[in-house]
């Protein structure tokens, strides 16, 4: 997925802005990619939680609520 206002580098693709964009505008394939990144690099769960936490007060931000729940569940399941 090409992100708005971002350069195409691996670091930029995993930035909070890019992750917010993936969650808000991404398709299933983008979400699958984000999930795989979180599996490979669990520290990204911090970024996902921080990004989604900014949208908790918005009941229409269902995608962010989903990803916040995913990040919390993934942490609980981690060994």
Protein backbone atom coordinates (compact mmCIF):
# COMPACT_ATOMS: atom_id res chain seq x y z
CA UNK A 1 0.00 0.00 0.00
CA UNK A 2 1.34 3.40 -0.88
CA UNK A 3 1.03 5.72 2.06
CA UNK A 4 0.13 9.35 1.82
CA UNK A 5 3.06 11.71 2.33
CA UNK A 6 5.58 8.93 3.06
CA UNK A 7 8.75 7.86 1.30
CA UNK A 8 9.09 4.21 0.32
CA UNK A 9 11.54 2.81 2.84
CA UNK A 10 11.16 -0.07 5.27
CA UNK A 11 11.50 2.26 8.26
CA UNK A 12 8.90 4.69 6.91
CA UNK A 13 6.50 1.83 6.19
CA UNK A 14 6.57 0.85 9.87
CA UNK A 15 6.31 4.37 11.25
CA UNK A 16 3.33 5.42 13.40
CA UNK A 17 1.97 7.49 10.50
CA UNK A 18 2.16 4.56 8.10
CA UNK A 19 0.62 2.17 10.61
CA UNK A 20 -2.23 4.61 11.21
CA UNK A 21 -2.74 4.82 7.46
CA UNK A 22 -2.72 1.03 7.08
CA UNK A 23 -5.31 0.67 9.83
CA UNK A 24 -7.53 3.49 8.58
CA UNK A 25 -7.36 2.96 4.82
CA UNK A 26 -5.78 -0.43 4.27
CA UNK A 27 -7.31 -3.45 2.61
CA UNK A 28 -7.18 -7.05 3.83
CA UNK A 29 -3.75 -7.62 2.27
CA UNK A 30 -2.39 -4.56 4.08
CA UNK A 31 -3.79 -5.78 7.39
CA UNK A 32 -2.24 -9.20 6.79
CA UNK A 33 1.10 -7.51 6.19
CA UNK A 34 0.74 -5.44 9.39
CA UNK A 35 -0.13 -8.57 11.37
CA UNK A 36 2.95 -10.34 9.99
CA UNK A 37 5.14 -7.37 10.94
CA UNK A 38 3.77 -7.54 14.49
CA UNK A 39 4.58 -11.25 14.66
CA UNK A 40 8.11 -10.69 13.35
CA UNK A 41 8.75 -7.55 15.41
CA UNK A 42 6.64 -7.56 18.61
CA UNK A 43 7.85 -4.05 19.49
CA UNK A 44 5.48 -2.80 16.77
CA UNK A 45 2.62 -3.68 19.12
CA UNK A 46 3.67 -0.62 21.15
CA UNK A 47 3.26 1.53 18.05
CA UNK A 48 -0.09 -0.04 17.18
CA UNK A 49 -1.36 0.54 20.72
CA UNK A 50 -0.14 4.15 20.74
CA UNK A 51 -1.68 4.89 17.33
CA UNK A 52 -4.98 3.22 18.18
CA UNK A 53 -5.09 4.81 21.62
CA UNK A 54 -5.45 8.20 19.94
CA UNK A 55 -8.73 7.02 18.38
CA UNK A 56 -10.30 5.33 21.41
CA UNK A 57 -12.68 8.24 22.03
CA UNK A 58 -14.12 7.96 18.52
CA UNK A 59 -16.80 5.23 18.41
CA UNK A 60 -16.75 5.32 14.60
CA UNK A 61 -13.06 4.34 14.49
CA UNK A 62 -13.90 0.64 14.56
CA UNK A 63 -10.74 -0.39 12.71
CA UNK A 64 -8.61 1.24 15.41
CA UNK A 65 -10.67 -0.39 18.16
CA UNK A 66 -10.12 -3.77 16.47
CA UNK A 67 -6.37 -3.30 16.21
CA UNK A 68 -6.09 -2.07 19.79
CA UNK A 69 -7.88 -5.23 20.94
CA UNK A 70 -5.60 -7.33 18.71
CA UNK A 71 -2.43 -5.76 20.14
CA UNK A 72 -3.61 -6.29 23.73
CA UNK A 73 -4.62 -9.90 23.03
CA UNK A 74 -1.31 -10.59 21.30
CA UNK A 75 0.57 -9.29 24.36
CA UNK A 76 -1.43 -11.51 26.72
CA UNK A 77 -0.77 -14.53 24.50
CA UNK A 78 2.98 -13.86 24.24
CA UNK A 79 5.20 -16.26 26.20
